[in-house]
Amino acid sequence: MLAVCGIIRRKGRVLVCKRSSGMAFPGFWEPPTESLDENETLEEALERVLFERLSVNPERMRSIGATDFPCEIAKEGGALADGIRLWGYEVELRRNYFHIYGYDDFRWIKPQHLKRLRILKPHVILLTLGGLLP
């Protein structure tokens, strides 16, 4: 399974969202993240998640790399995916205000405080690649 996340910075902070109880890994924090639909590119999926979850469009997107996450997670139709390859992008937004949909909460966090939150290892790796964690 492929997924993509958008790392959004503003005024020295990074946006993280808390996964809701209806999602896999509820209660964990992450940059806005979504799995790819069939025949969807990484950039199309990222634009979709930013629009569906934040009601914004990206100004710029730059790939920072990918990491693999070995896990079993239910896919649409009930089958199990045998892991996730998560791609990370640095994102600049066209506007500075947005609305959150599908997450329980969001925060703008200083990079040094990210370690205080429950963040899945693949997101930690991508935040490190993005220069936000040592």
Protein backbone atom coordinates (compact mmCIF):
# COMPACT_ATOMS: atom_id res chain seq x y z
CA MET A 1 0.00 0.00 0.00
CA LEU A 2 1.23 3.50 -0.80
CA ALA A 3 0.52 6.59 1.29
CA VAL A 4 1.67 10.19 1.28
CA CYS A 5 1.99 12.87 3.95
CA GLY A 6 2.41 16.62 3.70
CA ILE A 7 4.77 18.33 6.12
CA ILE A 8 3.53 21.90 6.53
CA ARG A 9 5.57 24.51 8.40
CA ARG A 10 4.53 27.95 9.57
CA LYS A 11 6.37 30.41 11.80
CA GLY A 12 8.84 27.79 13.05
CA ARG A 13 6.18 25.17 13.78
CA VAL A 14 4.90 22.07 12.00
CA LEU A 15 1.25 21.03 11.59
CA VAL A 16 0.30 17.67 13.13
CA CYS A 17 -3.16 16.13 13.32
CA LYS A 18 -4.54 13.57 15.77
CA ARG A 19 -5.95 10.41 14.17
CA SER A 20 -9.59 9.77 15.08
CA SER A 21 -11.03 6.61 16.61
CA GLY A 22 -12.39 5.52 13.23
CA MET A 23 -8.91 5.38 11.69
CA ALA A 24 -6.11 2.87 11.98
CA PHE A 25 -3.73 3.87 14.81
CA PRO A 26 -6.23 6.12 16.63
CA GLY A 27 -4.78 8.76 18.94
CA PHE A 28 -1.46 9.01 17.08
CA TRP A 29 -0.35 12.36 15.68
CA GLU A 30 0.80 12.82 12.09
CA PRO A 31 1.24 15.34 9.33
CA PRO A 32 -1.85 15.17 7.05
CA THR A 33 -1.62 11.67 5.56
CA GLU A 34 -3.65 9.60 3.10
CA SER A 35 -3.34 6.37 1.15
CA LEU A 36 -3.37 6.51 -2.63
CA ASP A 37 -6.45 5.61 -4.62
CA GLU A 38 -6.08 3.32 -7.63
CA ASN A 39 -4.20 4.99 -10.52
CA GLU A 40 -3.51 8.09 -8.41
CA THR A 41 -0.07 9.70 -8.33
CA LEU A 42 1.63 10.75 -5.10
CA GLU A 43 1.09 14.41 -5.92
CA GLU A 44 -2.60 13.88 -6.77
CA ALA A 45 -3.15 12.02 -3.46
CA LEU A 46 -1.39 14.78 -1.54
CA GLU A 47 -3.46 17.49 -3.24
CA ARG A 48 -6.59 15.44 -2.43
CA VAL A 49 -5.76 14.98 1.26
CA LEU A 50 -4.91 18.67 1.64
CA PHE A 51 -8.20 19.66 0.05
CA GLU A 52 -10.37 17.02 1.79
CA ARG A 53 -8.79 17.32 5.24
CA LEU A 54 -7.75 21.00 5.32
CA SER A 55 -9.77 22.68 2.53
CA VAL A 56 -6.60 24.14 1.03
CA ASN A 57 -4.54 23.77 -2.14
CA PRO A 58 -0.75 23.53 -2.10
CA GLU A 59 1.40 26.30 -3.54
CA ARG A 60 4.50 24.08 -3.72
CA MET A 61 5.29 20.44 -2.95
CA ARG A 62 8.79 18.94 -2.70
CA SER A 63 9.48 15.25 -2.13
CA ILE A 64 11.76 14.52 0.83
CA GLY A 65 11.79 10.73 0.54
CA ALA A 66 9.98 7.58 1.59
CA THR A 67 10.05 4.96 4.32
CA ASP A 68 8.52 1.52 4.68
CA PHE A 69 6.21 0.61 7.55
CA PRO A 70 5.77 -3.14 8.03
CA CYS A 71 2.26 -3.73 9.38
CA GLU A 72 -0.99 -5.41 8.53
CA ILE A 73 -3.72 -2.94 7.82
CA ALA A 74 -7.15 -3.51 6.31
CA LYS A 75 -7.60 -2.21 2.79
CA GLU A 76 -10.90 -1.37 1.16
CA GLY A 77 -12.76 -4.62 0.56
CA GLY A 78 -11.36 -6.26 3.70
CA ALA A 79 -8.04 -7.55 2.32
CA LEU A 80 -4.88 -6.92 4.33
CA ALA A 81 -1.99 -4.83 3.04
CA ASP A 82 1.37 -6.26 4.00
CA GLY A 83 2.88 -2.91 4.89
CA ILE A 84 2.88 0.69 3.81
CA ARG A 85 5.40 2.75 1.87
CA LEU A 86 4.94 6.31 3.13
CA TRP A 87 6.20 9.20 1.00
CA GLY A 88 6.82 12.60 2.56
CA TYR A 89 6.54 16.02 0.95
CA GLU A 90 7.32 19.47 2.23
CA VAL A 91 4.30 21.61 1.41
CA GLU A 92 3.71 25.34 1.18
CA LEU A 93 0.06 26.37 1.26
CA ARG A 94 -1.58 29.06 -0.86
CA ARG A 95 -3.31 30.49 2.20
CA ASN A 96 -2.64 30.45 5.94
CA TYR A 97 -6.08 29.48 7.25
CA PHE A 98 -7.88 26.17 6.89
CA HIS A 99 -10.46 23.85 8.47
CA ILE A 100 -9.66 20.34 9.76
CA TYR A 101 -11.92 17.44 8.71
CA GLY A 102 -11.53 13.78 9.65
CA TYR A 103 -9.09 14.30 12.52
CA ASP A 104 -9.88 14.71 16.22
CA ASP A 105 -7.52 17.64 16.77
CA PHE A 106 -4.59 19.55 15.29
CA ARG A 107 -1.66 21.52 16.63
CA TRP A 108 1.15 23.71 15.39
CA ILE A 109 4.14 22.23 17.24
CA LYS A 110 7.68 23.49 17.61
CA PRO A 111 10.04 20.81 16.23
CA GLN A 112 11.69 20.29 19.63
CA HIS A 113 8.28 19.38 21.12
CA LEU A 114 7.34 16.75 18.51
CA LYS A 115 8.90 14.00 20.64
CA ARG A 116 6.26 14.66 23.33
CA LEU A 117 3.52 13.35 21.02
CA ARG A 118 2.67 9.78 20.00
CA ILE A 119 3.90 9.73 16.41
CA LEU A 120 4.31 6.55 14.36
CA LYS A 121 7.88 5.64 13.42
CA PRO A 122 7.48 6.25 9.65
CA HIS A 123 6.35 9.81 10.32
CA VAL A 124 9.28 10.32 12.71
CA ILE A 125 11.63 9.18 9.93
CA LEU A 126 10.09 11.59 7.41
CA LEU A 127 10.11 14.47 9.89
CA THR A 128 13.82 13.71 10.40
CA LEU A 129 14.43 13.67 6.64
CA GLY A 130 12.61 17.01 6.48
CA GLY A 131 15.06 18.46 9.01
CA LEU A 132 12.53 18.81 11.83
CA LEU A 133 13.95 16.17 14.17
CA PRO A 134 17.58 15.36 14.92
